[in-house]
């Protein structure tokens, strides 16, 4: 089997730091931020957390955090 056949949908494996995915994510994030929907989605999320599905969401968060290696210490490092 050649390399081309092993890649799904003819997609090229970009390895770590997939630039194509990063560009798509950045574009979608920017478009969402400019869409004017941020405040509405934030209120929707707050209602979900405060409502009936809140415990399910908190459990999912705990599950995700259980796989974490902790926060990157560089985030809190003060630059001089």
N, C-alpha and C. Protein backbone atom coordinates (compact mmCIF):
# COMPACT_ATOMS: atom_id res chain seq x y z
N UNK A 1 0.86 -1.17 0.00
CA UNK A 1 0.00 0.00 0.00
C UNK A 1 0.90 1.23 0.00
N UNK A 2 0.65 2.13 -0.93
CA UNK A 2 1.49 3.32 -0.95
C UNK A 2 0.97 4.36 0.04
N UNK A 3 1.77 5.37 0.29
CA UNK A 3 1.44 6.39 1.29
C UNK A 3 0.11 7.09 1.00
N UNK A 4 -0.14 7.36 -0.24
CA UNK A 4 -1.36 8.06 -0.65
C UNK A 4 -2.61 7.26 -0.26
N UNK A 5 -2.57 5.93 -0.41
CA UNK A 5 -3.71 5.10 -0.11
C UNK A 5 -4.00 5.01 1.39
N UNK A 6 -2.99 5.18 2.22
CA UNK A 6 -3.19 5.03 3.65
C UNK A 6 -3.76 6.27 4.31
N UNK A 7 -3.82 7.38 3.59
CA UNK A 7 -4.33 8.62 4.16
C UNK A 7 -5.79 8.79 3.77
N UNK A 8 -6.68 9.00 4.75
CA UNK A 8 -8.11 9.13 4.47
C UNK A 8 -8.40 10.35 3.61
N UNK A 9 -9.29 10.21 2.65
CA UNK A 9 -9.77 11.28 1.79
C UNK A 9 -8.65 12.04 1.09
N UNK A 10 -7.51 11.41 0.91
CA UNK A 10 -6.42 12.08 0.23
C UNK A 10 -5.79 13.20 1.03
N UNK A 11 -6.11 13.30 2.33
CA UNK A 11 -5.54 14.35 3.16
C UNK A 11 -4.08 14.06 3.44
N UNK A 12 -3.28 15.09 3.44
CA UNK A 12 -1.87 14.96 3.72
C UNK A 12 -1.65 15.04 5.22
N UNK A 13 -0.85 14.16 5.76
CA UNK A 13 -0.53 14.20 7.18
C UNK A 13 0.50 15.31 7.39
N UNK A 14 0.10 16.35 8.13
CA UNK A 14 1.00 17.47 8.37
C UNK A 14 1.80 17.28 9.65
N UNK A 15 1.53 16.20 10.36
CA UNK A 15 2.26 15.95 11.60
C UNK A 15 1.84 16.91 12.70
N UNK A 16 2.69 17.01 13.69
CA UNK A 16 2.40 17.89 14.82
C UNK A 16 2.38 19.33 14.33
N UNK A 17 1.42 20.09 14.81
CA UNK A 17 1.32 21.48 14.40
C UNK A 17 0.63 21.61 13.05
N UNK A 18 -0.50 20.96 12.88
CA UNK A 18 -1.24 20.94 11.63
C UNK A 18 -1.67 22.36 11.24
N UNK A 19 -0.98 22.94 10.28
CA UNK A 19 -1.25 24.33 9.89
C UNK A 19 -2.61 24.50 9.23
N UNK A 20 -3.04 23.52 8.47
CA UNK A 20 -4.34 23.61 7.81
C UNK A 20 -5.45 23.67 8.85
N UNK A 21 -5.39 22.79 9.84
CA UNK A 21 -6.40 22.79 10.89
C UNK A 21 -6.32 24.07 11.72
N UNK A 22 -5.13 24.54 11.99
CA UNK A 22 -4.97 25.78 12.77
C UNK A 22 -5.57 26.96 12.02
N UNK A 23 -5.35 27.04 10.72
CA UNK A 23 -5.93 28.14 9.91
C UNK A 23 -7.46 28.06 9.94
N UNK A 24 -8.00 26.87 9.76
CA UNK A 24 -9.46 26.70 9.75
C UNK A 24 -10.04 27.09 11.11
N UNK A 25 -9.40 26.66 12.20
CA UNK A 25 -9.86 27.00 13.54
C UNK A 25 -9.79 28.52 13.76
N UNK A 26 -8.68 29.13 13.41
CA UNK A 26 -8.53 30.57 13.60
C UNK A 26 -9.56 31.35 12.80
N UNK A 27 -9.82 30.92 11.57
CA UNK A 27 -10.81 31.60 10.73
C UNK A 27 -12.21 31.48 11.35
N UNK A 28 -12.58 30.28 11.77
CA UNK A 28 -13.90 30.08 12.36
C UNK A 28 -14.05 30.85 13.67
N UNK A 29 -13.00 30.89 14.47
CA UNK A 29 -13.04 31.61 15.74
C UNK A 29 -13.20 33.10 15.50
N UNK A 30 -12.46 33.64 14.55
CA UNK A 30 -12.55 35.06 14.23
C UNK A 30 -13.94 35.41 13.70
N UNK A 31 -14.45 34.57 12.82
CA UNK A 31 -15.80 34.82 12.27
C UNK A 31 -16.85 34.79 13.37
N UNK A 32 -16.73 33.85 14.30
CA UNK A 32 -17.68 33.78 15.40
C UNK A 32 -17.59 35.03 16.27
N UNK A 33 -16.37 35.45 16.59
CA UNK A 33 -16.18 36.64 17.43
C UNK A 33 -16.80 37.88 16.78
N UNK A 34 -16.72 37.97 15.46
CA UNK A 34 -17.27 39.12 14.73
C UNK A 34 -18.77 38.99 14.47
N UNK A 35 -19.34 37.81 14.70
CA UNK A 35 -20.73 37.55 14.33
C UNK A 35 -21.76 38.24 15.21
N UNK A 36 -21.34 38.66 16.40
CA UNK A 36 -22.29 39.27 17.33
C UNK A 36 -23.06 38.24 18.15
N UNK A 37 -22.71 36.97 18.03
CA UNK A 37 -23.41 35.92 18.75
C UNK A 37 -22.77 35.54 20.07
N UNK A 38 -21.65 36.15 20.41
CA UNK A 38 -20.89 35.75 21.59
C UNK A 38 -21.70 35.92 22.86
N UNK A 39 -22.30 37.09 23.06
CA UNK A 39 -23.09 37.34 24.28
C UNK A 39 -24.25 36.36 24.42
N UNK A 40 -24.95 36.11 23.33
CA UNK A 40 -26.07 35.18 23.36
C UNK A 40 -25.63 33.76 23.70
N UNK A 41 -24.53 33.33 23.12
CA UNK A 41 -24.01 31.98 23.40
C UNK A 41 -23.51 31.89 24.84
N UNK A 42 -22.95 32.98 25.36
CA UNK A 42 -22.50 32.98 26.76
C UNK A 42 -23.70 32.85 27.70
N UNK A 43 -24.77 33.55 27.41
CA UNK A 43 -26.00 33.42 28.24
C UNK A 43 -26.57 32.01 28.14
N UNK A 44 -26.56 31.45 26.94
CA UNK A 44 -27.04 30.08 26.72
C UNK A 44 -26.21 29.08 27.54
N UNK A 45 -24.90 29.26 27.55
CA UNK A 45 -24.03 28.37 28.32
C UNK A 45 -24.30 28.50 29.81
N UNK A 46 -24.50 29.73 30.27
CA UNK A 46 -24.78 29.94 31.70
C UNK A 46 -26.09 29.26 32.09
N UNK A 47 -27.10 29.38 31.25
CA UNK A 47 -28.39 28.71 31.54
C UNK A 47 -28.20 27.20 31.60
N UNK A 48 -27.38 26.66 30.71
CA UNK A 48 -27.14 25.21 30.70
C UNK A 48 -26.44 24.78 31.98
N UNK A 49 -25.42 25.52 32.39
CA UNK A 49 -24.67 25.16 33.61
C UNK A 49 -25.55 25.31 34.84
N UNK A 50 -26.36 26.36 34.88
CA UNK A 50 -27.23 26.60 36.04
C UNK A 50 -28.47 25.73 36.02
N UNK A 51 -28.80 25.13 34.89
CA UNK A 51 -30.03 24.37 34.74
C UNK A 51 -29.86 22.88 34.99
N UNK A 52 -30.81 22.14 34.46
CA UNK A 52 -30.90 20.70 34.69
C UNK A 52 -29.67 19.93 34.19
N UNK A 53 -29.06 20.39 33.13
CA UNK A 53 -27.91 19.65 32.61
C UNK A 53 -26.59 20.07 33.25
N UNK A 54 -26.65 20.97 34.21
CA UNK A 54 -25.44 21.49 34.84
C UNK A 54 -24.56 20.42 35.46
N UNK A 55 -25.14 19.48 36.17
CA UNK A 55 -24.32 18.44 36.82
C UNK A 55 -23.63 17.57 35.79
N UNK A 56 -24.32 17.27 34.69
CA UNK A 56 -23.71 16.49 33.61
C UNK A 56 -22.51 17.24 33.02
N UNK A 57 -22.66 18.53 32.85
CA UNK A 57 -21.58 19.34 32.29
C UNK A 57 -20.40 19.41 33.25
N UNK A 58 -20.68 19.57 34.54
CA UNK A 58 -19.59 19.61 35.53
C UNK A 58 -18.87 18.26 35.60
N UNK A 59 -19.62 17.17 35.48
CA UNK A 59 -19.01 15.83 35.47
C UNK A 59 -18.11 15.66 34.25
N UNK A 60 -18.57 16.15 33.10
CA UNK A 60 -17.75 16.07 31.89
C UNK A 60 -16.48 16.91 32.06
N UNK A 61 -16.60 18.05 32.72
CA UNK A 61 -15.42 18.87 32.96
C UNK A 61 -14.43 18.15 33.88
N UNK A 62 -14.95 17.55 34.94
CA UNK A 62 -14.08 16.79 35.86
C UNK A 62 -13.38 15.65 35.12
N UNK A 63 -14.10 14.97 34.26
CA UNK A 63 -13.53 13.87 33.49
C UNK A 63 -12.40 14.38 32.60
N UNK A 64 -12.64 15.48 31.93
CA UNK A 64 -11.60 16.05 31.08
C UNK A 64 -10.39 16.48 31.89
N UNK A 65 -10.62 17.09 33.03
CA UNK A 65 -9.51 17.54 33.87
C UNK A 65 -8.72 16.37 34.43
N UNK A 66 -9.36 15.23 34.60
CA UNK A 66 -8.65 14.07 35.15
C UNK A 66 -7.57 13.56 34.20
N UNK A 67 -7.66 13.94 32.94
CA UNK A 67 -6.67 13.53 31.94
C UNK A 67 -5.59 14.58 31.74
N UNK A 68 -5.71 15.68 32.44
CA UNK A 68 -4.79 16.80 32.27
C UNK A 68 -3.51 16.61 33.05
N UNK A 69 -2.46 17.19 32.53
CA UNK A 69 -1.19 17.20 33.24
C UNK A 69 -1.04 18.50 34.02
N UNK A 70 -2.13 19.24 34.13
CA UNK A 70 -2.10 20.50 34.85
C UNK A 70 -1.90 21.67 33.92
N UNK A 71 -2.05 22.84 34.47
CA UNK A 71 -1.91 24.05 33.68
C UNK A 71 -0.44 24.29 33.35
N UNK A 72 -0.20 24.81 32.20
CA UNK A 72 1.16 25.13 31.78
C UNK A 72 1.69 26.26 32.66
N UNK A 73 2.77 26.04 33.39
CA UNK A 73 3.30 27.07 34.28
C UNK A 73 3.72 28.34 33.54
N UNK A 74 3.97 28.23 32.26
CA UNK A 74 4.34 29.42 31.48
C UNK A 74 3.19 30.42 31.39
N UNK A 75 1.95 29.95 31.59
CA UNK A 75 0.81 30.86 31.53
C UNK A 75 0.84 31.87 32.68
N UNK A 76 1.39 31.49 33.79
CA UNK A 76 1.43 32.35 34.98
C UNK A 76 2.77 33.06 35.18
N UNK A 77 3.72 32.72 34.34
CA UNK A 77 5.06 33.30 34.48
C UNK A 77 5.04 34.77 34.13
N UNK A 78 5.60 35.59 34.98
CA UNK A 78 5.67 37.02 34.73
C UNK A 78 6.89 37.32 33.85
N UNK A 79 6.65 38.07 32.82
CA UNK A 79 7.79 38.44 31.96
C UNK A 79 8.46 39.67 32.55
N UNK A 80 9.75 39.72 32.43
CA UNK A 80 10.52 40.85 32.98
C UNK A 80 11.00 41.75 31.90
